[in-house]
Amino acid sequence: MATYTAQYKGHTIVVKKSIPSKRLFVDGELQDVSAAFFEAGTLLWGRIKSGDGCGDTVKVRLAYCNPWSFLMTCWIFVNDTLISKQ
């Protein structure tokens, strides 16, 4: 299982990728999941629900680095601004 983590205004954003699911957690709360096994890219959505940044939108894009690899790149955005690329 691959795990991608980012911090934003004191909040923890975690993306967990396993076969076949991809899950988005914000402050430990599951906010979105994708269970498609063969998909070229995944988009997950969430929201900061309390504290600093309350109401801010979290968007995650997962995509394969190339078609011959199972390695993925994870882009994490908050309010359409890139905060992490892993």
PDB file of N, CA and C in Angstrom:
ATOM      1  N   MET A   1       0.849  -1.179   0.000  1.00  0.00           N
ATOM      2  CA  MET A   1       0.000   0.000   0.000  1.00  0.00           C
ATOM      3  C   MET A   1       0.890   1.236   0.000  1.00  0.00           C
ATOM      4  N   ALA A   2       0.557   2.183  -0.853  1.00  0.00           N
ATOM      5  CA  ALA A   2       1.267   3.461  -0.895  1.00  0.00           C
ATOM      6  C   ALA A   2       0.461   4.484  -0.105  1.00  0.00           C
ATOM      7  N   THR A   3       1.172   5.351   0.608  1.00  0.00           N
ATOM      8  CA  THR A   3       0.529   6.406   1.384  1.00  0.00           C
ATOM      9  C   THR A   3       1.181   7.736   1.035  1.00  0.00           C
ATOM     10  N   TYR A   4       0.352   8.731   0.763  1.00  0.00           N
ATOM     11  CA  TYR A   4       0.811  10.080   0.449  1.00  0.00           C
ATOM     12  C   TYR A   4       0.229  11.012   1.510  1.00  0.00           C
ATOM     13  N   THR A   5       1.054  11.879   2.093  1.00  0.00           N
ATOM     14  CA  THR A   5       0.613  12.737   3.191  1.00  0.00           C
ATOM     15  C   THR A   5       1.007  14.184   2.927  1.00  0.00           C
ATOM     16  N   ALA A   6       0.119  15.107   3.297  1.00  0.00           N
ATOM     17  CA  ALA A   6       0.414  16.533   3.208  1.00  0.00           C
ATOM     18  C   ALA A   6      -0.198  17.231   4.419  1.00  0.00           C
ATOM     19  N   GLN A   7       0.406  18.347   4.797  1.00  0.00           N
ATOM     20  CA  GLN A   7      -0.107  19.194   5.874  1.00  0.00           C
ATOM     21  C   GLN A   7      -0.640  20.483   5.267  1.00  0.00           C
ATOM     22  N   TYR A   8      -1.750  20.978   5.822  1.00  0.00           N
ATOM     23  CA  TYR A   8      -2.332  22.228   5.344  1.00  0.00           C
ATOM     24  C   TYR A   8      -2.990  22.931   6.525  1.00  0.00           C
ATOM     25  N   LYS A   9      -2.466  24.082   6.912  1.00  0.00           N
ATOM     26  CA  LYS A   9      -3.027  24.888   8.005  1.00  0.00           C
ATOM     27  C   LYS A   9      -3.315  24.049   9.247  1.00  0.00           C
ATOM     28  N   GLY A  10      -2.405  23.150   9.580  1.00  0.00           N
ATOM     29  CA  GLY A  10      -2.562  22.312  10.766  1.00  0.00           C
ATOM     30  C   GLY A  10      -3.411  21.070  10.563  1.00  0.00           C
ATOM     31  N   HIS A  11      -3.883  20.842   9.342  1.00  0.00           N
ATOM     32  CA  HIS A  11      -4.695  19.669   9.027  1.00  0.00           C
ATOM     33  C   HIS A  11      -3.830  18.639   8.301  1.00  0.00           C
ATOM     34  N   THR A  12      -4.183  17.372   8.478  1.00  0.00           N
ATOM     35  CA  THR A  12      -3.450  16.290   7.827  1.00  0.00           C
ATOM     36  C   THR A  12      -4.305  15.682   6.730  1.00  0.00           C
ATOM     37  N   ILE A  13      -3.744  15.660   5.535  1.00  0.00           N
ATOM     38  CA  ILE A  13      -4.414  15.068   4.374  1.00  0.00           C
ATOM     39  C   ILE A  13      -3.630  13.816   4.011  1.00  0.00           C
ATOM     40  N   VAL A  14      -4.329  12.674   3.949  1.00  0.00           N
ATOM     41  CA  VAL A  14      -3.684  11.394   3.666  1.00  0.00           C
ATOM     42  C   VAL A  14      -4.424  10.707   2.529  1.00  0.00           C
ATOM     43  N   VAL A  15      -3.661  10.216   1.567  1.00  0.00           N
ATOM     44  CA  VAL A  15      -4.207   9.414   0.475  1.00  0.00           C
ATOM     45  C   VAL A  15      -3.586   8.032   0.584  1.00  0.00           C
ATOM     46  N   LYS A  16      -4.430   7.003   0.631  1.00  0.00           N
ATOM     47  CA  LYS A  16      -3.950   5.625   0.708  1.00  0.00           C
ATOM     48  C   LYS A  16      -4.363   4.893  -0.553  1.00  0.00           C
ATOM     49  N   LYS A  17      -3.369   4.298  -1.213  1.00  0.00           N
ATOM     50  CA  LYS A  17      -3.618   3.558  -2.447  1.00  0.00           C
ATOM     51  C   LYS A  17      -3.279   2.098  -2.218  1.00  0.00           C
ATOM     52  N   SER A  18      -4.263   1.258  -2.428  1.00  0.00           N
ATOM     53  CA  SER A  18      -4.049  -0.187  -2.378  1.00  0.00           C
ATOM     54  C   SER A  18      -4.813  -0.788  -3.548  1.00  0.00           C
ATOM     55  N   ILE A  19      -4.611  -2.046  -3.792  1.00  0.00           N
ATOM     56  CA  ILE A  19      -5.349  -2.689  -4.881  1.00  0.00           C
ATOM     57  C   ILE A  19      -6.655  -3.212  -4.302  1.00  0.00           C
ATOM     58  N   PRO A  20      -7.799  -2.771  -4.799  1.00  0.00           N
ATOM     59  CA  PRO A  20      -8.009  -1.875  -5.931  1.00  0.00           C
ATOM     60  C   PRO A  20      -8.422  -0.465  -5.532  1.00  0.00           C
ATOM     61  N   SER A  21      -8.405  -0.095  -4.255  1.00  0.00           N
ATOM     62  CA  SER A  21      -9.016   1.177  -3.869  1.00  0.00           C
ATOM     63  C   SER A  21      -8.003   2.292  -3.628  1.00  0.00           C
ATOM     64  N   LYS A  22      -8.510   3.513  -3.748  1.00  0.00           N
ATOM     65  CA  LYS A  22      -7.787   4.715  -3.388  1.00  0.00           C
ATOM     66  C   LYS A  22      -8.704   5.478  -2.443  1.00  0.00           C
ATOM     67  N   ARG A  23      -8.158   5.918  -1.293  1.00  0.00           N
ATOM     68  CA  ARG A  23      -8.992   6.563  -0.281  1.00  0.00           C
ATOM     69  C   ARG A  23      -8.373   7.879   0.175  1.00  0.00           C
ATOM     70  N   LEU A  24      -9.230   8.876   0.388  1.00  0.00           N
ATOM     71  CA  LEU A  24      -8.816  10.190   0.862  1.00  0.00           C
ATOM     72  C   LEU A  24      -9.309  10.382   2.293  1.00  0.00           C
ATOM     73  N   PHE A  25      -8.370  10.717   3.192  1.00  0.00           N
ATOM     74  CA  PHE A  25      -8.695  11.030   4.575  1.00  0.00           C
ATOM     75  C   PHE A  25      -8.279  12.469   4.858  1.00  0.00           C
ATOM     76  N   VAL A  26      -9.143  13.214   5.520  1.00  0.00           N
ATOM     77  CA  VAL A  26      -8.798  14.547   5.994  1.00  0.00           C
ATOM     78  C   VAL A  26      -8.984  14.537   7.502  1.00  0.00           C
ATOM     79  N   ASP A  27      -7.910  14.786   8.229  1.00  0.00           N
ATOM     80  CA  ASP A  27      -7.911  14.730   9.693  1.00  0.00           C
ATOM     81  C   ASP A  27      -8.454  13.396  10.206  1.00  0.00           C
ATOM     82  N   GLY A  28      -8.080  12.315   9.536  1.00  0.00           N
ATOM     83  CA  GLY A  28      -8.455  10.972   9.968  1.00  0.00           C
ATOM     84  C   GLY A  28      -9.836  10.517   9.535  1.00  0.00           C
ATOM     85  N   GLU A  29     -10.605  11.380   8.895  1.00  0.00           N
ATOM     86  CA  GLU A  29     -11.962  11.039   8.442  1.00  0.00           C
ATOM     87  C   GLU A  29     -11.945  10.672   6.962  1.00  0.00           C
ATOM     88  N   LEU A  30     -12.467   9.498   6.635  1.00  0.00           N
ATOM     89  CA  LEU A  30     -12.591   9.086   5.237  1.00  0.00           C
ATOM     90  C   LEU A  30     -13.580  10.009   4.539  1.00  0.00           C
ATOM     91  N   GLN A  31     -13.126  10.657   3.447  1.00  0.00           N
ATOM     92  CA  GLN A  31     -14.002  11.600   2.748  1.00  0.00           C
ATOM     93  C   GLN A  31     -14.319  11.195   1.314  1.00  0.00           C
ATOM     94  N   ASP A  32     -13.485  10.349   0.703  1.00  0.00           N
ATOM     95  CA  ASP A  32     -13.799   9.888  -0.645  1.00  0.00           C
ATOM     96  C   ASP A  32     -13.058   8.583  -0.900  1.00  0.00           C
ATOM     97  N   VAL A  33     -13.619   7.768  -1.802  1.00  0.00           N
ATOM     98  CA  VAL A  33     -12.999   6.489  -2.150  1.00  0.00           C
ATOM     99  C   VAL A  33     -13.279   6.179  -3.616  1.00  0.00           C
ATOM    100  N   SER A  34     -12.313   5.560  -4.259  1.00  0.00           N
ATOM    101  CA  SER A  34     -12.483   5.062  -5.620  1.00  0.00           C
ATOM    102  C   SER A  34     -12.071   3.605  -5.612  1.00  0.00           C
ATOM    103  N   ALA A  35     -12.919   2.752  -6.137  1.00  0.00           N
ATOM    104  CA  ALA A  35     -12.638   1.317  -6.103  1.00  0.00           C
ATOM    105  C   ALA A  35     -12.468   0.712  -7.482  1.00  0.00           C
ATOM    106  N   ALA A  36     -12.261   1.556  -8.490  1.00  0.00           N
ATOM    107  CA  ALA A  36     -12.065   1.039  -9.841  1.00  0.00           C
ATOM    108  C   ALA A  36     -10.662   0.450  -9.953  1.00  0.00           C
ATOM    109  N   PHE A  37     -10.546  -0.757 -10.469  1.00  0.00           N
ATOM    110  CA  PHE A  37      -9.256  -1.449 -10.524  1.00  0.00           C
ATOM    111  C   PHE A  37      -8.386  -0.940 -11.668  1.00  0.00           C
ATOM    112  N   PHE A  38      -8.928  -0.872 -12.868  1.00  0.00           N
ATOM    113  CA  PHE A  38      -8.142  -0.432 -14.023  1.00  0.00           C
ATOM    114  C   PHE A  38      -8.601   0.942 -14.476  1.00  0.00           C
ATOM    115  N   GLU A  39      -8.056   1.977 -13.859  1.00  0.00           N
ATOM    116  CA  GLU A  39      -8.360   3.329 -14.292  1.00  0.00           C
ATOM    117  C   GLU A  39      -7.047   4.091 -14.446  1.00  0.00           C
ATOM    118  N   ALA A  40      -6.952   4.861 -15.487  1.00  0.00           N
ATOM    119  CA  ALA A  40      -5.704   5.575 -15.781  1.00  0.00           C
ATOM    120  C   ALA A  40      -5.438   6.675 -14.766  1.00  0.00           C
ATOM    121  N   GLY A  41      -6.489   7.290 -14.260  1.00  0.00           N
ATOM    122  CA  GLY A  41      -6.337   8.367 -13.288  1.00  0.00           C
ATOM    123  C   GLY A  41      -7.520   8.393 -12.340  1.00  0.00           C
ATOM    124  N   THR A  42      -7.307   8.930 -11.165  1.00  0.00           N
ATOM    125  CA  THR A  42      -8.348   8.987 -10.145  1.00  0.00           C
ATOM    126  C   THR A  42      -8.431  10.406  -9.614  1.00  0.00           C
ATOM    127  N   LEU A  43      -9.648  10.875  -9.367  1.00  0.00           N
ATOM    128  CA  LEU A  43      -9.873  12.172  -8.749  1.00  0.00           C
ATOM    129  C   LEU A  43     -10.679  11.952  -7.476  1.00  0.00           C
ATOM    130  N   LEU A  44     -10.154  12.438  -6.346  1.00  0.00           N
ATOM    131  CA  LEU A  44     -10.824  12.323  -5.057  1.00  0.00           C
ATOM    132  C   LEU A  44     -11.077  13.726  -4.507  1.00  0.00           C
ATOM    133  N   TRP A  45     -12.203  13.893  -3.797  1.00  0.00           N
ATOM    134  CA  TRP A  45     -12.597  15.198  -3.269  1.00  0.00           C
ATOM    135  C   TRP A  45     -12.839  15.115  -1.771  1.00  0.00           C
ATOM    136  N   GLY A  46     -12.528  16.206  -1.070  1.00  0.00           N
ATOM    137  CA  GLY A  46     -12.826  16.317   0.352  1.00  0.00           C
ATOM    138  C   GLY A  46     -12.930  17.782   0.743  1.00  0.00           C
ATOM    139  N   ARG A  47     -13.115  18.001   2.057  1.00  0.00           N
ATOM    140  CA  ARG A  47     -13.277  19.368   2.545  1.00  0.00           C
ATOM    141  C   ARG A  47     -12.728  19.449   3.965  1.00  0.00           C
ATOM    142  N   ILE A  48     -12.081  20.580   4.276  1.00  0.00           N
ATOM    143  CA  ILE A  48     -11.664  20.856   5.648  1.00  0.00           C
ATOM    144  C   ILE A  48     -12.936  21.210   6.423  1.00  0.00           C
ATOM    145  N   LYS A  49     -13.206  20.499   7.515  1.00  0.00           N
ATOM    146  CA  LYS A  49     -14.498  20.660   8.190  1.00  0.00           C
ATOM    147  C   LYS A  49     -14.457  21.513   9.450  1.00  0.00           C
ATOM    148  N   SER A  50     -13.260  21.832   9.959  1.00  0.00           N
ATOM    149  CA  SER A  50     -13.206  22.640  11.181  1.00  0.00           C
ATOM    150  C   SER A  50     -11.859  23.349  11.268  1.00  0.00           C
ATOM    151  N   GLY A  51     -11.799  24.339  12.155  1.00  0.00           N
ATOM    152  CA  GLY A  51     -10.544  25.029  12.415  1.00  0.00           C
ATOM    153  C   GLY A  51     -10.103  25.928  11.270  1.00  0.00           C
ATOM    154  N   ASP A  52      -8.798  26.253  11.263  1.00  0.00           N
ATOM    155  CA  ASP A  52      -8.227  27.109  10.235  1.00  0.00           C
ATOM    156  C   ASP A  52      -8.399  26.442   8.866  1.00  0.00           C
ATOM    157  N   GLY A  53      -8.939  27.149   7.923  1.00  0.00           N
ATOM    158  CA  GLY A  53      -9.186  26.583   6.594  1.00  0.00           C
ATOM    159  C   GLY A  53     -10.536  25.903   6.468  1.00  0.00           C
ATOM    160  N   CYS A  54     -11.399  26.041   7.467  1.00  0.00           N
ATOM    161  CA  CYS A  54     -12.720  25.398   7.429  1.00  0.00           C
ATOM    162  C   CYS A  54     -13.450  25.772   6.134  1.00  0.00           C
ATOM    163  N   GLY A  55     -13.941  24.762   5.430  1.00  0.00           N
ATOM    164  CA  GLY A  55     -14.658  24.974   4.177  1.00  0.00           C
ATOM    165  C   GLY A  55     -13.780  24.873   2.942  1.00  0.00           C
ATOM    166  N   ASP A  56     -12.460  24.845   3.127  1.00  0.00           N
ATOM    167  CA  ASP A  56     -11.565  24.737   1.977  1.00  0.00           C
ATOM    168  C   ASP A  56     -11.713  23.366   1.316  1.00  0.00           C
ATOM    169  N   THR A  57     -11.636  23.349  -0.001  1.00  0.00           N
ATOM    170  CA  THR A  57     -11.835  22.141  -0.787  1.00  0.00           C
ATOM    171  C   THR A  57     -10.511  21.437  -1.044  1.00  0.00           C
ATOM    172  N   VAL A  58     -10.494  20.121  -0.804  1.00  0.00           N
ATOM    173  CA  VAL A  58      -9.321  19.290  -1.059  1.00  0.00           C
ATOM    174  C   VAL A  58      -9.607  18.458  -2.305  1.00  0.00           C
ATOM    175  N   LYS A  59      -8.672  18.474  -3.248  1.00  0.00           N
ATOM    176  CA  LYS A  59      -8.799  17.685  -4.474  1.00  0.00           C
ATOM    177  C   LYS A  59      -7.500  16.908  -4.654  1.00  0.00           C
ATOM    178  N   VAL A  60      -7.630  15.628  -4.965  1.00  0.00           N
ATOM    179  CA  VAL A  60      -6.459  14.775  -5.174  1.00  0.00           C
ATOM    180  C   VAL A  60      -6.553  14.138  -6.549  1.00  0.00           C
ATOM    181  N   ARG A  61      -5.452  14.202  -7.286  1.00  0.00           N
ATOM    182  CA  ARG A  61      -5.362  13.533  -8.589  1.00  0.00           C
ATOM    183  C   ARG A  61      -4.258  12.490  -8.487  1.00  0.00           C
ATOM    184  N   LEU A  62      -4.603  11.237  -8.773  1.00  0.00           N
ATOM    185  CA  LEU A  62      -3.638  10.143  -8.842  1.00  0.00           C
ATOM    186  C   LEU A  62      -3.569   9.672 -10.283  1.00  0.00           C
ATOM    187  N   ALA A  63      -2.351   9.533 -10.810  1.00  0.00           N
ATOM    188  CA  ALA A  63      -2.198   9.071 -12.189  1.00  0.00           C
ATOM    189  C   ALA A  63      -0.910   8.267 -12.298  1.00  0.00           C
ATOM    190  N   TYR A  64      -0.910   7.297 -13.196  1.00  0.00           N
ATOM    191  CA  TYR A  64       0.284   6.488 -13.421  1.00  0.00           C
ATOM    192  C   TYR A  64       1.365   7.332 -14.084  1.00  0.00           C
ATOM    193  N   CYS A  65       2.616   7.104 -13.655  1.00  0.00           N
ATOM    194  CA  CYS A  65       3.760   7.843 -14.202  1.00  0.00           C
ATOM    195  C   CYS A  65       3.943   7.561 -15.685  1.00  0.00           C
ATOM    196  N   ASN A  66       3.747   6.302 -16.067  1.00  0.00           N
ATOM    197  CA  ASN A  66       3.790   5.917 -17.478  1.00  0.00           C
ATOM    198  C   ASN A  66       2.983   4.639 -17.642  1.00  0.00           C
ATOM    199  N   PRO A  67       2.591   4.306 -18.852  1.00  0.00           N
ATOM    200  CA  PRO A  67       1.696   3.157 -19.054  1.00  0.00           C
ATOM    201  C   PRO A  67       2.341   1.801 -18.779  1.00  0.00           C
ATOM    202  N   TRP A  68       3.654   1.750 -18.580  1.00  0.00           N
ATOM    203  CA  TRP A  68       4.344   0.477 -18.362  1.00  0.00           C
ATOM    204  C   TRP A  68       4.699   0.261 -16.899  1.00  0.00           C
ATOM    205  N   SER A  69       4.187   1.127 -16.027  1.00  0.00           N
ATOM    206  CA  SER A  69       4.572   1.072 -14.620  1.00  0.00           C
ATOM    207  C   SER A  69       3.345   1.137 -13.728  1.00  0.00           C
ATOM    208  N   PHE A  70       3.452   0.546 -12.550  1.00  0.00           N
ATOM    209  CA  PHE A  70       2.391   0.677 -11.550  1.00  0.00           C
ATOM    210  C   PHE A  70       2.683   1.807 -10.578  1.00  0.00           C
ATOM    211  N   LEU A  71       3.737   2.588 -10.831  1.00  0.00           N
ATOM    212  CA  LEU A  71       4.055   3.734  -9.996  1.00  0.00           C
ATOM    213  C   LEU A  71       3.093   4.870 -10.312  1.00  0.00           C
ATOM    214  N   MET A  72       2.612   5.522  -9.259  1.00  0.00           N
ATOM    215  CA  MET A  72       1.671   6.616  -9.444  1.00  0.00           C
ATOM    216  C   MET A  72       2.255   7.907  -8.904  1.00  0.00           C
ATOM    217  N   THR A  73       1.793   9.010  -9.470  1.00  0.00           N
ATOM    218  CA  THR A  73       2.084  10.328  -8.933  1.00  0.00           C
ATOM    219  C   THR A  73       0.811  10.832  -8.280  1.00  0.00           C
ATOM    220  N   CYS A  74       0.974  11.496  -7.129  1.00  0.00           N
ATOM    221  CA  CYS A  74      -0.164  12.030  -6.382  1.00  0.00           C
ATOM    222  C   CYS A  74      -0.023  13.541  -6.269  1.00  0.00           C
ATOM    223  N   TRP A  75      -1.000  14.265  -6.796  1.00  0.00           N
ATOM    224  CA  TRP A  75      -1.057  15.716  -6.673  1.00  0.00           C
ATOM    225  C   TRP A  75      -2.169  16.045  -5.686  1.00  0.00           C
ATOM    226  N   ILE A  76      -1.853  16.842  -4.669  1.00  0.00           N
ATOM    227  CA  ILE A  76      -2.855  17.260  -3.685  1.00  0.00           C
ATOM    228  C   ILE A  76      -3.031  18.770  -3.802  1.00  0.00           C
ATOM    229  N   PHE A  77      -4.281  19.185  -4.028  1.00  0.00           N
ATOM    230  CA  PHE A  77      -4.635  20.593  -4.176  1.00  0.00           C
ATOM    231  C   PHE A  77      -5.580  21.004  -3.048  1.00  0.00           C
ATOM    232  N   VAL A  78      -5.463  22.236  -2.600  1.00  0.00           N
ATOM    233  CA  VAL A  78      -6.462  22.834  -1.717  1.00  0.00           C
ATOM    234  C   VAL A  78      -6.882  24.145  -2.367  1.00  0.00           C
ATOM    235  N   ASN A  79      -8.183  24.291  -2.561  1.00  0.00           N
ATOM    236  CA  ASN A  79      -8.736  25.454  -3.267  1.00  0.00           C
ATOM    237  C   ASN A  79      -8.017  25.690  -4.600  1.00  0.00           C
ATOM    238  N   ASP A  80      -7.799  24.601  -5.328  1.00  0.00           N
ATOM    239  CA  ASP A  80      -7.189  24.623  -6.653  1.00  0.00           C
ATOM    240  C   ASP A  80      -5.721  25.084  -6.672  1.00  0.00           C
ATOM    241  N   THR A  81      -5.061  25.075  -5.511  1.00  0.00           N
ATOM    242  CA  THR A  81      -3.643  25.404  -5.432  1.00  0.00           C
ATOM    243  C   THR A  81      -2.875  24.140  -5.040  1.00  0.00           C
ATOM    244  N   LEU A  82      -1.876  23.788  -5.818  1.00  0.00           N
ATOM    245  CA  LEU A  82      -1.071  22.595  -5.544  1.00  0.00           C
ATOM    246  C   LEU A  82      -0.301  22.782  -4.242  1.00  0.00           C
ATOM    247  N   ILE A  83      -0.484  21.840  -3.288  1.00  0.00           N
ATOM    248  CA  ILE A  83       0.276  21.911  -2.039  1.00  0.00           C
ATOM    249  C   ILE A  83       1.271  20.755  -1.907  1.00  0.00           C
ATOM    250  N   SER A  84       1.093  19.708  -2.725  1.00  0.00           N
ATOM    251  CA  SER A  84       2.021  18.564  -2.642  1.00  0.00           C
ATOM    252  C   SER A  84       1.978  17.768  -3.931  1.00  0.00           C
ATOM    253  N   LYS A  85       3.158  17.341  -4.380  1.00  0.00           N
ATOM    254  CA  LYS A  85       3.275  16.414  -5.500  1.00  0.00           C
ATOM    255  C   LYS A  85       4.264  15.341  -5.056  1.00  0.00           C
ATOM    256  N   GLN A  86       3.801  14.098  -5.048  1.00  0.00           N
ATOM    257  CA  GLN A  86       4.635  12.986  -4.573  1.00  0.00           C
ATOM    258  C   GLN A  86       4.598  11.858  -5.572  1.00  0.00           C
TER     259      GLN A  86
END
